[in-house]
Amino acid sequence: MRYIAAYLLLQTGGKANPTAADITSLLDTVGIESDSERLSKLLSELEGKSIADLIAEGSSKLSSVTEAPKEEEKKEEKEESDEDMGFGLFD
């Protein structure tokens, strides 16, 4: 997730195609170590794709996930009150 966040941050900052060195440099400035294997894999998967398309694709995948079944709402029984008994003591 840190690599994607750094990638998006660099893109937002004006760098159209951030490199591994750019991302590593950004992460180093905030004290986060980077794994070159993971970073290169991410960059190879993102190559030639726009972020907007990736977000749209991810959103469509999320919409196909079913929701968890909803729990039945427990109905509390109301306590009977004297008003409903029809005594009419103070009429």
Protein backbone atom coordinates (compact mmCIF):
# COMPACT_ATOMS: atom_id res chain seq x y z
CA MET A 1 0.00 0.00 0.00
CA ARG A 2 2.87 2.36 0.74
CA TYR A 3 4.16 1.99 -2.81
CA ILE A 4 0.78 2.77 -4.33
CA ALA A 5 0.39 5.79 -2.04
CA ALA A 6 3.84 7.06 -2.99
CA TYR A 7 3.11 6.43 -6.69
CA LEU A 8 -0.15 8.38 -6.50
CA LEU A 9 1.46 11.18 -4.51
CA LEU A 10 4.20 11.57 -7.11
CA GLN A 11 1.65 11.52 -9.93
CA THR A 12 -0.44 14.14 -8.18
CA GLY A 13 2.71 16.21 -7.79
CA GLY A 14 3.21 16.26 -11.55
CA LYS A 15 5.42 13.23 -12.20
CA ALA A 16 3.51 11.38 -14.96
CA ASN A 17 5.43 8.10 -14.69
CA PRO A 18 7.23 7.78 -11.35
CA THR A 19 10.25 5.47 -11.39
CA ALA A 20 11.42 3.08 -8.70
CA ALA A 21 14.10 5.60 -7.76
CA ASP A 22 11.48 8.34 -7.35
CA ILE A 23 9.32 6.18 -5.10
CA THR A 24 12.30 4.95 -3.06
CA SER A 25 13.50 8.52 -2.61
CA LEU A 26 10.07 9.67 -1.45
CA LEU A 27 9.72 6.80 1.01
CA ASP A 28 13.25 7.40 2.34
CA THR A 29 12.37 11.01 3.15
CA VAL A 30 9.77 9.81 5.65
CA GLY A 31 11.87 6.95 7.00
CA ILE A 32 10.14 4.04 5.26
CA GLU A 33 12.27 1.25 3.84
CA SER A 34 11.38 -0.06 0.41
CA ASP A 35 11.57 -3.54 -1.08
CA SER A 36 12.95 -3.32 -4.61
CA GLU A 37 11.30 -6.59 -5.71
CA ARG A 38 7.82 -5.52 -4.68
CA LEU A 39 8.34 -2.07 -6.09
CA SER A 40 9.50 -3.34 -9.48
CA LYS A 41 6.57 -5.79 -9.60
CA LEU A 42 4.11 -2.99 -8.86
CA LEU A 43 5.62 -0.73 -11.50
CA SER A 44 5.52 -3.50 -14.11
CA GLU A 45 1.83 -4.10 -13.36
CA LEU A 46 1.02 -0.38 -13.53
CA GLU A 47 2.97 0.19 -16.74
CA GLY A 48 0.78 1.56 -19.51
CA LYS A 49 -2.33 1.81 -17.34
CA SER A 50 -4.02 4.94 -16.11
CA ILE A 51 -4.92 5.27 -12.47
CA ALA A 52 -8.51 6.21 -13.35
CA ASP A 53 -8.92 2.94 -15.27
CA LEU A 54 -7.45 0.94 -12.39
CA ILE A 55 -9.81 2.59 -9.90
CA ALA A 56 -12.81 1.91 -12.15
CA GLU A 57 -11.75 -1.73 -12.55
CA GLY A 58 -11.33 -2.12 -8.80
CA SER A 59 -14.70 -0.53 -8.11
CA SER A 60 -16.44 -2.94 -10.46
CA LYS A 61 -14.77 -5.86 -8.69
CA LEU A 62 -15.91 -4.55 -5.31
CA SER A 63 -19.49 -4.22 -6.49
CA SER A 64 -19.58 -7.93 -7.34
CA VAL A 65 -18.76 -8.88 -3.75
CA THR A 66 -21.88 -9.87 -1.86
CA GLU A 67 -22.81 -8.21 1.36
CA ALA A 68 -22.79 -10.10 4.61
CA PRO A 69 -26.24 -11.29 5.66
CA LYS A 70 -27.98 -8.83 7.89
CA GLU A 71 -28.80 -9.89 11.39
CA GLU A 72 -32.43 -10.03 12.36
CA GLU A 73 -33.47 -7.15 14.51
CA LYS A 74 -34.69 -8.33 17.85
CA LYS A 75 -38.00 -6.78 18.76
CA GLU A 76 -38.32 -5.95 22.40
CA GLU A 77 -41.68 -6.64 23.91
CA LYS A 78 -43.24 -3.62 25.50
CA GLU A 79 -44.15 -3.88 29.12
CA GLU A 80 -47.82 -3.56 29.72
CA SER A 81 -48.71 -0.34 31.40
CA ASP A 82 -51.69 0.58 33.52
CA GLU A 83 -52.99 2.92 30.81
CA ASP A 84 -53.73 0.02 28.51
CA MET A 85 -55.66 -1.91 31.15
CA GLY A 86 -58.74 0.33 30.88
CA PHE A 87 -59.20 0.87 34.60
CA GLY A 88 -60.03 4.57 34.36
CA LEU A 89 -59.43 5.22 38.07
CA PHE A 90 -59.12 8.97 37.72
CA ASP A 91 -61.85 9.76 35.19
